[in-house]
Amino acid sequence: MEQNNKLIAEFMGLTNHHNDSSMMVRETLQGNEVVPIDVLQYHTSWDWLMPVIHKILKDNDGTEFFNFSANISHALFNNNINNAYKSVVEFIKDQNTEVIGSFDENGDLIF
């Protein structure tokens, strides 16, 4: 769960702390804010998760988005944060795979 919350935080623009892997950094108008990974609440709080969902809905389209949209609609309709969270994590992982690419058994990038 902590790794998935970190994944979501990175999607939302937080970066890894240069000295401490248990912390992330959020840029604010007042300067950088250090955020411990263990306080991220994407998995338990709609207040944390809804801005992520909004960003995905605002910034994406295509087949992966269509699947996400159907899954997230169902989760929201049923007020099921667990399914919404899983859909968000799955969508971000799929997006990261598309950006990074696929690799063969030797670790070479497949175009």
PDB file of N, CA and C in Angstrom:
ATOM      1  N   MET A   1       0.824  -1.185   0.000  1.00  0.00           N
ATOM      2  CA  MET A   1       0.000   0.000   0.000  1.00  0.00           C
ATOM      3  C   MET A   1       0.875   1.258   0.000  1.00  0.00           C
ATOM      4  N   GLU A   2       1.952   1.240   0.788  1.00  0.00           N
ATOM      5  CA  GLU A   2       2.836   2.399   0.851  1.00  0.00           C
ATOM      6  C   GLU A   2       3.443   2.699  -0.517  1.00  0.00           C
ATOM      7  N   GLN A   3       3.827   1.645  -1.257  1.00  0.00           N
ATOM      8  CA  GLN A   3       4.395   1.835  -2.593  1.00  0.00           C
ATOM      9  C   GLN A   3       3.351   2.418  -3.547  1.00  0.00           C
ATOM     10  N   ASN A   4       2.105   1.970  -3.433  1.00  0.00           N
ATOM     11  CA  ASN A   4       1.046   2.505  -4.288  1.00  0.00           C
ATOM     12  C   ASN A   4       0.748   3.957  -3.952  1.00  0.00           C
ATOM     13  N   ASN A   5       0.766   4.300  -2.670  1.00  0.00           N
ATOM     14  CA  ASN A   5       0.570   5.702  -2.290  1.00  0.00           C
ATOM     15  C   ASN A   5       1.704   6.569  -2.821  1.00  0.00           C
ATOM     16  N   LYS A   6       2.905   6.028  -2.784  1.00  0.00           N
ATOM     17  CA  LYS A   6       4.061   6.759  -3.325  1.00  0.00           C
ATOM     18  C   LYS A   6       3.899   6.943  -4.834  1.00  0.00           C
ATOM     19  N   LEU A   7       3.434   5.919  -5.516  1.00  0.00           N
ATOM     20  CA  LEU A   7       3.178   5.990  -6.946  1.00  0.00           C
ATOM     21  C   LEU A   7       2.184   7.101  -7.267  1.00  0.00           C
ATOM     22  N   ILE A   8       1.110   7.165  -6.497  1.00  0.00           N
ATOM     23  CA  ILE A   8       0.102   8.200  -6.701  1.00  0.00           C
ATOM     24  C   ILE A   8       0.693   9.579  -6.405  1.00  0.00           C
ATOM     25  N   ALA A   9       1.452   9.685  -5.332  1.00  0.00           N
ATOM     26  CA  ALA A   9       2.070  10.970  -4.979  1.00  0.00           C
ATOM     27  C   ALA A   9       2.977  11.466  -6.106  1.00  0.00           C
ATOM     28  N   GLU A  10       3.749  10.566  -6.698  1.00  0.00           N
ATOM     29  CA  GLU A  10       4.607  10.953  -7.823  1.00  0.00           C
ATOM     30  C   GLU A  10       3.763  11.419  -9.002  1.00  0.00           C
ATOM     31  N   PHE A  11       2.653  10.735  -9.259  1.00  0.00           N
ATOM     32  CA  PHE A  11       1.735  11.137 -10.322  1.00  0.00           C
ATOM     33  C   PHE A  11       1.202  12.547 -10.065  1.00  0.00           C
ATOM     34  N   MET A  12       1.020  12.872  -8.793  1.00  0.00           N
ATOM     35  CA  MET A  12       0.496  14.184  -8.418  1.00  0.00           C
ATOM     36  C   MET A  12       1.599  15.254  -8.298  1.00  0.00           C
ATOM     37  N   GLY A  13       2.823  14.899  -8.638  1.00  0.00           N
ATOM     38  CA  GLY A  13       3.881  15.904  -8.711  1.00  0.00           C
ATOM     39  C   GLY A  13       4.856  15.931  -7.560  1.00  0.00           C
ATOM     40  N   LEU A  14       4.669  15.090  -6.557  1.00  0.00           N
ATOM     41  CA  LEU A  14       5.647  15.036  -5.478  1.00  0.00           C
ATOM     42  C   LEU A  14       6.888  14.317  -5.984  1.00  0.00           C
ATOM     43  N   THR A  15       8.023  14.649  -5.413  1.00  0.00           N
ATOM     44  CA  THR A  15       9.278  14.020  -5.810  1.00  0.00           C
ATOM     45  C   THR A  15       9.908  13.331  -4.612  1.00  0.00           C
ATOM     46  N   ASN A  16      10.826  12.433  -4.893  1.00  0.00           N
ATOM     47  CA  ASN A  16      11.524  11.732  -3.825  1.00  0.00           C
ATOM     48  C   ASN A  16      12.477  12.686  -3.108  1.00  0.00           C
ATOM     49  N   HIS A  17      12.542  12.559  -1.810  1.00  0.00           N
ATOM     50  CA  HIS A  17      13.472  13.346  -1.008  1.00  0.00           C
ATOM     51  C   HIS A  17      14.880  12.881  -1.332  1.00  0.00           C
ATOM     52  N   HIS A  18      15.804  13.820  -1.452  1.00  0.00           N
ATOM     53  CA  HIS A  18      17.157  13.466  -1.873  1.00  0.00           C
ATOM     54  C   HIS A  18      17.947  12.678  -0.821  1.00  0.00           C
ATOM     55  N   ASN A  19      17.589  12.777   0.451  1.00  0.00           N
ATOM     56  CA  ASN A  19      18.334  12.088   1.509  1.00  0.00           C
ATOM     57  C   ASN A  19      17.574  10.989   2.229  1.00  0.00           C
ATOM     58  N   ASP A  20      16.254  10.989   2.119  1.00  0.00           N
ATOM     59  CA  ASP A  20      15.445  10.093   2.941  1.00  0.00           C
ATOM     60  C   ASP A  20      14.366   9.437   2.085  1.00  0.00           C
ATOM     61  N   SER A  21      14.484   8.133   1.850  1.00  0.00           N
ATOM     62  CA  SER A  21      13.534   7.432   0.990  1.00  0.00           C
ATOM     63  C   SER A  21      12.150   7.282   1.613  1.00  0.00           C
ATOM     64  N   SER A  22      12.007   7.628   2.879  1.00  0.00           N
ATOM     65  CA  SER A  22      10.692   7.562   3.517  1.00  0.00           C
ATOM     66  C   SER A  22       9.944   8.891   3.419  1.00  0.00           C
ATOM     67  N   MET A  23      10.521   9.831   2.692  1.00  0.00           N
ATOM     68  CA  MET A  23       9.930  11.168   2.554  1.00  0.00           C
ATOM     69  C   MET A  23       9.791  11.537   1.083  1.00  0.00           C
ATOM     70  N   MET A  24       8.827  12.405   0.836  1.00  0.00           N
ATOM     71  CA  MET A  24       8.657  12.991  -0.490  1.00  0.00           C
ATOM     72  C   MET A  24       8.616  14.500  -0.318  1.00  0.00           C
ATOM     73  N   VAL A  25       8.785  15.205  -1.425  1.00  0.00           N
ATOM     74  CA  VAL A  25       8.808  16.663  -1.381  1.00  0.00           C
ATOM     75  C   VAL A  25       7.706  17.208  -2.284  1.00  0.00           C
ATOM     76  N   ARG A  26       6.928  18.144  -1.731  1.00  0.00           N
ATOM     77  CA  ARG A  26       5.879  18.834  -2.481  1.00  0.00           C
ATOM     78  C   ARG A  26       6.290  20.298  -2.594  1.00  0.00           C
ATOM     79  N   GLU A  27       6.301  20.794  -3.824  1.00  0.00           N
ATOM     80  CA  GLU A  27       6.602  22.213  -4.019  1.00  0.00           C
ATOM     81  C   GLU A  27       5.341  23.024  -3.761  1.00  0.00           C
ATOM     82  N   THR A  28       5.481  24.070  -2.946  1.00  0.00           N
ATOM     83  CA  THR A  28       4.365  24.967  -2.670  1.00  0.00           C
ATOM     84  C   THR A  28       4.824  26.396  -2.933  1.00  0.00           C
ATOM     85  N   LEU A  29       3.903  27.321  -2.906  1.00  0.00           N
ATOM     86  CA  LEU A  29       4.253  28.727  -3.087  1.00  0.00           C
ATOM     87  C   LEU A  29       5.147  29.237  -1.964  1.00  0.00           C
ATOM     88  N   GLN A  30       5.033  28.625  -0.797  1.00  0.00           N
ATOM     89  CA  GLN A  30       5.831  29.019   0.361  1.00  0.00           C
ATOM     90  C   GLN A  30       7.188  28.315   0.394  1.00  0.00           C
ATOM     91  N   GLY A  31       7.419  27.390  -0.498  1.00  0.00           N
ATOM     92  CA  GLY A  31       8.661  26.629  -0.525  1.00  0.00           C
ATOM     93  C   GLY A  31       8.360  25.142  -0.513  1.00  0.00           C
ATOM     94  N   ASN A  32       9.382  24.339  -0.404  1.00  0.00           N
ATOM     95  CA  ASN A  32       9.208  22.893  -0.416  1.00  0.00           C
ATOM     96  C   ASN A  32       8.673  22.392   0.922  1.00  0.00           C
ATOM     97  N   GLU A  33       7.739  21.446   0.821  1.00  0.00           N
ATOM     98  CA  GLU A  33       7.165  20.812   2.008  1.00  0.00           C
ATOM     99  C   GLU A  33       7.566  19.340   1.988  1.00  0.00           C
ATOM    100  N   VAL A  34       8.134  18.867   3.075  1.00  0.00           N
ATOM    101  CA  VAL A  34       8.525  17.471   3.193  1.00  0.00           C
ATOM    102  C   VAL A  34       7.329  16.684   3.728  1.00  0.00           C
ATOM    103  N   VAL A  35       6.990  15.590   3.030  1.00  0.00           N
ATOM    104  CA  VAL A  35       5.824  14.779   3.375  1.00  0.00           C
ATOM    105  C   VAL A  35       6.277  13.342   3.620  1.00  0.00           C
ATOM    106  N   PRO A  36       6.092  12.837   4.829  1.00  0.00           N
ATOM    107  CA  PRO A  36       6.410  11.423   5.078  1.00  0.00           C
ATOM    108  C   PRO A  36       5.477  10.516   4.270  1.00  0.00           C
ATOM    109  N   ILE A  37       6.031   9.494   3.652  1.00  0.00           N
ATOM    110  CA  ILE A  37       5.227   8.583   2.838  1.00  0.00           C
ATOM    111  C   ILE A  37       4.158   7.896   3.677  1.00  0.00           C
ATOM    112  N   ASP A  38       4.459   7.603   4.933  1.00  0.00           N
ATOM    113  CA  ASP A  38       3.493   6.871   5.756  1.00  0.00           C
ATOM    114  C   ASP A  38       2.274   7.699   6.175  1.00  0.00           C
ATOM    115  N   VAL A  39       2.246   9.006   5.865  1.00  0.00           N
ATOM    116  CA  VAL A  39       1.052   9.803   6.169  1.00  0.00           C
ATOM    117  C   VAL A  39       0.161  10.014   4.940  1.00  0.00           C
ATOM    118  N   LEU A  40       0.604   9.531   3.780  1.00  0.00           N
ATOM    119  CA  LEU A  40      -0.217   9.652   2.580  1.00  0.00           C
ATOM    120  C   LEU A  40      -1.486   8.827   2.762  1.00  0.00           C
ATOM    121  N   GLN A  41      -2.632   9.424   2.457  1.00  0.00           N
ATOM    122  CA  GLN A  41      -3.917   8.789   2.757  1.00  0.00           C
ATOM    123  C   GLN A  41      -4.777   8.534   1.521  1.00  0.00           C
ATOM    124  N   TYR A  42      -4.130   8.336   0.389  1.00  0.00           N
ATOM    125  CA  TYR A  42      -4.902   8.111  -0.833  1.00  0.00           C
ATOM    126  C   TYR A  42      -5.812   6.888  -0.718  1.00  0.00           C
ATOM    127  N   HIS A  43      -5.408   5.920   0.047  1.00  0.00           N
ATOM    128  CA  HIS A  43      -6.159   4.659   0.166  1.00  0.00           C
ATOM    129  C   HIS A  43      -7.321   4.731   1.148  1.00  0.00           C
ATOM    130  N   THR A  44      -7.385   5.778   1.966  1.00  0.00           N
ATOM    131  CA  THR A  44      -8.430   5.854   2.997  1.00  0.00           C
ATOM    132  C   THR A  44      -9.261   7.131   2.968  1.00  0.00           C
ATOM    133  N   SER A  45      -8.851   8.129   2.198  1.00  0.00           N
ATOM    134  CA  SER A  45      -9.522   9.426   2.245  1.00  0.00           C
ATOM    135  C   SER A  45      -9.957   9.888   0.855  1.00  0.00           C
ATOM    136  N   TRP A  46     -11.256  10.129   0.725  1.00  0.00           N
ATOM    137  CA  TRP A  46     -11.757  10.687  -0.524  1.00  0.00           C
ATOM    138  C   TRP A  46     -11.142  12.067  -0.770  1.00  0.00           C
ATOM    139  N   ASP A  47     -10.861  12.815   0.298  1.00  0.00           N
ATOM    140  CA  ASP A  47     -10.244  14.143   0.151  1.00  0.00           C
ATOM    141  C   ASP A  47      -8.880  14.052  -0.522  1.00  0.00           C
ATOM    142  N   TRP A  48      -8.176  12.972  -0.309  1.00  0.00           N
ATOM    143  CA  TRP A  48      -6.881  12.752  -0.949  1.00  0.00           C
ATOM    144  C   TRP A  48      -7.041  12.166  -2.347  1.00  0.00           C
ATOM    145  N   LEU A  49      -7.981  11.229  -2.499  1.00  0.00           N
ATOM    146  CA  LEU A  49      -8.103  10.486  -3.742  1.00  0.00           C
ATOM    147  C   LEU A  49      -8.828  11.259  -4.844  1.00  0.00           C
ATOM    148  N   MET A  50      -9.811  12.072  -4.496  1.00  0.00           N
ATOM    149  CA  MET A  50     -10.602  12.758  -5.526  1.00  0.00           C
ATOM    150  C   MET A  50      -9.775  13.704  -6.396  1.00  0.00           C
ATOM    151  N   PRO A  51      -8.798  14.452  -5.867  1.00  0.00           N
ATOM    152  CA  PRO A  51      -7.981  15.273  -6.772  1.00  0.00           C
ATOM    153  C   PRO A  51      -7.202  14.428  -7.793  1.00  0.00           C
ATOM    154  N   VAL A  52      -6.829  13.221  -7.416  1.00  0.00           N
ATOM    155  CA  VAL A  52      -6.131  12.317  -8.333  1.00  0.00           C
ATOM    156  C   VAL A  52      -7.098  11.888  -9.437  1.00  0.00           C
ATOM    157  N   ILE A  53      -8.289  11.487  -9.038  1.00  0.00           N
ATOM    158  CA  ILE A  53      -9.310  11.082 -10.002  1.00  0.00           C
ATOM    159  C   ILE A  53      -9.616  12.238 -10.944  1.00  0.00           C
ATOM    160  N   HIS A  54      -9.749  13.426 -10.403  1.00  0.00           N
ATOM    161  CA  HIS A  54     -10.022  14.614 -11.216  1.00  0.00           C
ATOM    162  C   HIS A  54      -8.908  14.834 -12.243  1.00  0.00           C
ATOM    163  N   LYS A  55      -7.663  14.711 -11.809  1.00  0.00           N
ATOM    164  CA  LYS A  55      -6.533  14.897 -12.720  1.00  0.00           C
ATOM    165  C   LYS A  55      -6.570  13.865 -13.843  1.00  0.00           C
ATOM    166  N   ILE A  56      -6.844  12.618 -13.511  1.00  0.00           N
ATOM    167  CA  ILE A  56      -6.911  11.575 -14.532  1.00  0.00           C
ATOM    168  C   ILE A  56      -8.039  11.874 -15.516  1.00  0.00           C
ATOM    169  N   LEU A  57      -9.214  12.220 -15.005  1.00  0.00           N
ATOM    170  CA  LEU A  57     -10.356  12.498 -15.867  1.00  0.00           C
ATOM    171  C   LEU A  57     -10.114  13.714 -16.754  1.00  0.00           C
ATOM    172  N   LYS A  58      -9.413  14.696 -16.236  1.00  0.00           N
ATOM    173  CA  LYS A  58      -9.155  15.942 -16.956  1.00  0.00           C
ATOM    174  C   LYS A  58      -8.090  15.781 -18.031  1.00  0.00           C
ATOM    175  N   ASP A  59      -7.096  14.961 -17.771  1.00  0.00           N
ATOM    176  CA  ASP A  59      -5.902  14.939 -18.617  1.00  0.00           C
ATOM    177  C   ASP A  59      -5.811  13.772 -19.590  1.00  0.00           C
ATOM    178  N   ASN A  60      -6.765  12.855 -19.590  1.00  0.00           N
ATOM    179  CA  ASN A  60      -6.584  11.632 -20.369  1.00  0.00           C
ATOM    180  C   ASN A  60      -7.782  11.296 -21.237  1.00  0.00           C
ATOM    181  N   ASP A  61      -7.491  10.463 -22.232  1.00  0.00           N
ATOM    182  CA  ASP A  61      -8.517   9.866 -23.074  1.00  0.00           C
ATOM    183  C   ASP A  61      -7.941   8.572 -23.639  1.00  0.00           C
ATOM    184  N   GLY A  62      -8.688   7.885 -24.461  1.00  0.00           N
ATOM    185  CA  GLY A  62      -8.186   6.643 -25.050  1.00  0.00           C
ATOM    186  C   GLY A  62      -8.749   5.417 -24.364  1.00  0.00           C
ATOM    187  N   THR A  63      -8.296   4.251 -24.807  1.00  0.00           N
ATOM    188  CA  THR A  63      -8.827   2.976 -24.328  1.00  0.00           C
ATOM    189  C   THR A  63      -8.594   2.791 -22.840  1.00  0.00           C
ATOM    190  N   GLU A  64      -7.363   3.043 -22.372  1.00  0.00           N
ATOM    191  CA  GLU A  64      -7.076   2.880 -20.949  1.00  0.00           C
ATOM    192  C   GLU A  64      -7.957   3.808 -20.123  1.00  0.00           C
ATOM    193  N   PHE A  65      -8.142   5.011 -20.637  1.00  0.00           N
ATOM    194  CA  PHE A  65      -8.987   5.968 -19.946  1.00  0.00           C
ATOM    195  C   PHE A  65     -10.428   5.484 -19.918  1.00  0.00           C
ATOM    196  N   PHE A  66     -10.901   4.936 -21.021  1.00  0.00           N
ATOM    197  CA  PHE A  66     -12.275   4.440 -21.068  1.00  0.00           C
ATOM    198  C   PHE A  66     -12.494   3.366 -20.016  1.00  0.00           C
ATOM    199  N   ASN A  67     -11.548   2.430 -19.911  1.00  0.00           N
ATOM    200  CA  ASN A  67     -11.648   1.380 -18.893  1.00  0.00           C
ATOM    201  C   ASN A  67     -11.619   1.987 -17.496  1.00  0.00           C
ATOM    202  N   PHE A  68     -10.723   2.952 -17.285  1.00  0.00           N
ATOM    203  CA  PHE A  68     -10.642   3.618 -15.988  1.00  0.00           C
ATOM    204  C   PHE A  68     -11.958   4.312 -15.682  1.00  0.00           C
ATOM    205  N   SER A  69     -12.481   5.027 -16.658  1.00  0.00           N
ATOM    206  CA  SER A  69     -13.703   5.787 -16.462  1.00  0.00           C
ATOM    207  C   SER A  69     -14.862   4.883 -16.035  1.00  0.00           C
ATOM    208  N   ALA A  70     -14.981   3.735 -16.672  1.00  0.00           N
ATOM    209  CA  ALA A  70     -16.049   2.795 -16.305  1.00  0.00           C
ATOM    210  C   ALA A  70     -15.832   2.264 -14.890  1.00  0.00           C
ATOM    211  N   ASN A  71     -14.588   1.885 -14.579  1.00  0.00           N
ATOM    212  CA  ASN A  71     -14.283   1.358 -13.244  1.00  0.00           C
ATOM    213  C   ASN A  71     -14.497   2.406 -12.166  1.00  0.00           C
ATOM    214  N   ILE A  72     -14.035   3.623 -12.428  1.00  0.00           N
ATOM    215  CA  ILE A  72     -14.122   4.668 -11.399  1.00  0.00           C
ATOM    216  C   ILE A  72     -15.579   5.094 -11.214  1.00  0.00           C
ATOM    217  N   SER A  73     -16.349   5.122 -12.294  1.00  0.00           N
ATOM    218  CA  SER A  73     -17.770   5.471 -12.172  1.00  0.00           C
ATOM    219  C   SER A  73     -18.483   4.481 -11.265  1.00  0.00           C
ATOM    220  N   HIS A  74     -18.202   3.221 -11.467  1.00  0.00           N
ATOM    221  CA  HIS A  74     -18.818   2.177 -10.649  1.00  0.00           C
ATOM    222  C   HIS A  74     -18.396   2.329  -9.186  1.00  0.00           C
ATOM    223  N   ALA A  75     -17.109   2.574  -8.953  1.00  0.00           N
ATOM    224  CA  ALA A  75     -16.611   2.733  -7.574  1.00  0.00           C
ATOM    225  C   ALA A  75     -17.217   3.959  -6.912  1.00  0.00           C
ATOM    226  N   LEU A  76     -17.312   5.057  -7.647  1.00  0.00           N
ATOM    227  CA  LEU A  76     -17.884   6.284  -7.075  1.00  0.00           C
ATOM    228  C   LEU A  76     -19.371   6.110  -6.789  1.00  0.00           C
ATOM    229  N   PHE A  77     -20.076   5.500  -7.724  1.00  0.00           N
ATOM    230  CA  PHE A  77     -21.511   5.274  -7.544  1.00  0.00           C
ATOM    231  C   PHE A  77     -21.778   4.451  -6.291  1.00  0.00           C
ATOM    232  N   ASN A  78     -20.901   3.480  -6.025  1.00  0.00           N
ATOM    233  CA  ASN A  78     -21.076   2.604  -4.865  1.00  0.00           C
ATOM    234  C   ASN A  78     -20.332   3.099  -3.630  1.00  0.00           C
ATOM    235  N   ASN A  79     -19.747   4.282  -3.731  1.00  0.00           N
ATOM    236  CA  ASN A  79     -18.996   4.866  -2.617  1.00  0.00           C
ATOM    237  C   ASN A  79     -17.951   3.885  -2.081  1.00  0.00           C
ATOM    238  N   ASN A  80     -17.236   3.245  -3.004  1.00  0.00           N
ATOM    239  CA  ASN A  80     -16.268   2.216  -2.647  1.00  0.00           C
ATOM    240  C   ASN A  80     -14.855   2.747  -2.882  1.00  0.00           C
ATOM    241  N   ILE A  81     -14.251   3.288  -1.829  1.00  0.00           N
ATOM    242  CA  ILE A  81     -12.926   3.882  -1.958  1.00  0.00           C
ATOM    243  C   ILE A  81     -11.871   2.842  -2.287  1.00  0.00           C
ATOM    244  N   ASN A  82     -12.042   1.603  -1.832  1.00  0.00           N
ATOM    245  CA  ASN A  82     -11.062   0.559  -2.135  1.00  0.00           C
ATOM    246  C   ASN A  82     -10.984   0.298  -3.634  1.00  0.00           C
ATOM    247  N   ASN A  83     -12.126   0.176  -4.284  1.00  0.00           N
ATOM    248  CA  ASN A  83     -12.129  -0.054  -5.725  1.00  0.00           C
ATOM    249  C   ASN A  83     -11.655   1.179  -6.489  1.00  0.00           C
ATOM    250  N   ALA A  84     -12.010   2.346  -6.007  1.00  0.00           N
ATOM    251  CA  ALA A  84     -11.540   3.581  -6.649  1.00  0.00           C
ATOM    252  C   ALA A  84     -10.015   3.668  -6.567  1.00  0.00           C
ATOM    253  N   TYR A  85      -9.487   3.384  -5.398  1.00  0.00           N
ATOM    254  CA  TYR A  85      -8.037   3.399  -5.181  1.00  0.00           C
ATOM    255  C   TYR A  85      -7.343   2.402  -6.103  1.00  0.00           C
ATOM    256  N   LYS A  86      -7.876   1.189  -6.177  1.00  0.00           N
ATOM    257  CA  LYS A  86      -7.289   0.160  -7.044  1.00  0.00           C
ATOM    258  C   LYS A  86      -7.325   0.603  -8.509  1.00  0.00           C
ATOM    259  N   SER A  87      -8.416   1.227  -8.921  1.00  0.00           N
ATOM    260  CA  SER A  87      -8.528   1.706 -10.301  1.00  0.00           C
ATOM    261  C   SER A  87      -7.507   2.789 -10.597  1.00  0.00           C
ATOM    262  N   VAL A  88      -7.304   3.687  -9.640  1.00  0.00           N
ATOM    263  CA  VAL A  88      -6.317   4.750  -9.807  1.00  0.00           C
ATOM    264  C   VAL A  88      -4.917   4.157  -9.930  1.00  0.00           C
ATOM    265  N   VAL A  89      -4.575   3.254  -9.032  1.00  0.00           N
ATOM    266  CA  VAL A  89      -3.242   2.638  -9.052  1.00  0.00           C
ATOM    267  C   VAL A  89      -3.030   1.898 -10.367  1.00  0.00           C
ATOM    268  N   GLU A  90      -4.014   1.127 -10.795  1.00  0.00           N
ATOM    269  CA  GLU A  90      -3.904   0.367 -12.042  1.00  0.00           C
ATOM    270  C   GLU A  90      -3.724   1.307 -13.234  1.00  0.00           C
ATOM    271  N   PHE A  91      -4.482   2.397 -13.255  1.00  0.00           N
ATOM    272  CA  PHE A  91      -4.374   3.356 -14.358  1.00  0.00           C
ATOM    273  C   PHE A  91      -2.981   3.969 -14.408  1.00  0.00           C
ATOM    274  N   ILE A  92      -2.465   4.389 -13.251  1.00  0.00           N
ATOM    275  CA  ILE A  92      -1.140   5.016 -13.217  1.00  0.00           C
ATOM    276  C   ILE A  92      -0.068   4.013 -13.633  1.00  0.00           C
ATOM    277  N   LYS A  93      -0.171   2.788 -13.157  1.00  0.00           N
ATOM    278  CA  LYS A  93       0.808   1.765 -13.560  1.00  0.00           C
ATOM    279  C   LYS A  93       0.754   1.534 -15.069  1.00  0.00           C
ATOM    280  N   ASP A  94      -0.451   1.479 -15.633  1.00  0.00           N
ATOM    281  CA  ASP A  94      -0.588   1.312 -17.081  1.00  0.00           C
ATOM    282  C   ASP A  94       0.031   2.493 -17.821  1.00  0.00           C
ATOM    283  N   GLN A  95      -0.211   3.693 -17.330  1.00  0.00           N
ATOM    284  CA  GLN A  95       0.370   4.888 -17.958  1.00  0.00           C
ATOM    285  C   GLN A  95       1.889   4.855 -17.880  1.00  0.00           C
ATOM    286  N   ASN A  96       2.419   4.460 -16.740  1.00  0.00           N
ATOM    287  CA  ASN A  96       3.869   4.400 -16.577  1.00  0.00           C
ATOM    288  C   ASN A  96       4.478   3.348 -17.506  1.00  0.00           C
ATOM    289  N   THR A  97       3.794   2.238 -17.699  1.00  0.00           N
ATOM    290  CA  THR A  97       4.278   1.205 -18.611  1.00  0.00           C
ATOM    291  C   THR A  97       4.303   1.726 -20.040  1.00  0.00           C
ATOM    292  N   GLU A  98       3.270   2.491 -20.424  1.00  0.00           N
ATOM    293  CA  GLU A  98       3.230   3.067 -21.768  1.00  0.00           C
ATOM    294  C   GLU A  98       4.371   4.051 -21.971  1.00  0.00           C
ATOM    295  N   VAL A  99       4.636   4.872 -20.967  1.00  0.00           N
ATOM    296  CA  VAL A  99       5.691   5.873 -21.063  1.00  0.00           C
ATOM    297  C   VAL A  99       7.056   5.215 -21.090  1.00  0.00           C
ATOM    298  N   ILE A 100       7.251   4.254 -20.226  1.00  0.00           N
ATOM    299  CA  ILE A 100       8.547   3.591 -20.123  1.00  0.00           C
ATOM    300  C   ILE A 100       8.740   2.624 -21.281  1.00  0.00           C
ATOM    301  N   GLY A 101       7.705   1.910 -21.656  1.00  0.00           N
ATOM    302  CA  GLY A 101       7.796   0.929 -22.719  1.00  0.00           C
ATOM    303  C   GLY A 101       7.818  -0.477 -22.168  1.00  0.00           C
ATOM    304  N   SER A 102       7.936  -1.418 -23.059  1.00  0.00           N
ATOM    305  CA  SER A 102       7.994  -2.822 -22.671  1.00  0.00           C
ATOM    306  C   SER A 102       9.395  -3.351 -22.930  1.00  0.00           C
ATOM    307  N   PHE A 103       9.748  -4.388 -22.195  1.00  0.00           N
ATOM    308  CA  PHE A 103      11.076  -4.956 -22.303  1.00  0.00           C
ATOM    309  C   PHE A 103      10.983  -6.442 -22.611  1.00  0.00           C
ATOM    310  N   ASP A 104      11.939  -6.950 -23.401  1.00  0.00           N
ATOM    311  CA  ASP A 104      11.980  -8.375 -23.678  1.00  0.00           C
ATOM    312  C   ASP A 104      12.673  -9.118 -22.550  1.00  0.00           C
ATOM    313  N   GLU A 105      12.870 -10.446 -22.724  1.00  0.00           N
ATOM    314  CA  GLU A 105      13.457 -11.263 -21.659  1.00  0.00           C
ATOM    315  C   GLU A 105      14.904 -10.891 -21.335  1.00  0.00           C
ATOM    316  N   ASN A 106      15.575 -10.165 -22.254  1.00  0.00           N
ATOM    317  CA  ASN A 106      16.952  -9.717 -22.004  1.00  0.00           C
ATOM    318  C   ASN A 106      17.019  -8.336 -21.372  1.00  0.00           C
ATOM    319  N   GLY A 107      15.856  -7.727 -21.166  1.00  0.00           N
ATOM    320  CA  GLY A 107      15.824  -6.394 -20.583  1.00  0.00           C
ATOM    321  C   GLY A 107      15.965  -5.286 -21.604  1.00  0.00           C
ATOM    322  N   ASP A 108      15.900  -5.637 -22.905  1.00  0.00           N
ATOM    323  CA  ASP A 108      16.009  -4.636 -23.964  1.00  0.00           C
ATOM    324  C   ASP A 108      14.646  -4.021 -24.249  1.00  0.00           C
ATOM    325  N   LEU A 109      14.633  -2.717 -24.508  1.00  0.00           N
ATOM    326  CA  LEU A 109      13.406  -1.999 -24.787  1.00  0.00           C
ATOM    327  C   LEU A 109      12.808  -2.471 -26.099  1.00  0.00           C
ATOM    328  N   ILE A 110      11.500  -2.767 -26.081  1.00  0.00           N
ATOM    329  CA  ILE A 110      10.768  -3.152 -27.290  1.00  0.00           C
ATOM    330  C   ILE A 110      10.017  -1.932 -27.781  1.00  0.00           C
ATOM    331  N   PHE A 111      10.219  -1.572 -29.020  1.00  0.00           N
ATOM    332  CA  PHE A 111       9.542  -0.401 -29.591  1.00  0.00           C
ATOM    333  C   PHE A 111       8.280  -0.793 -30.282  1.00  0.00           C
TER     334      PHE A 111
END
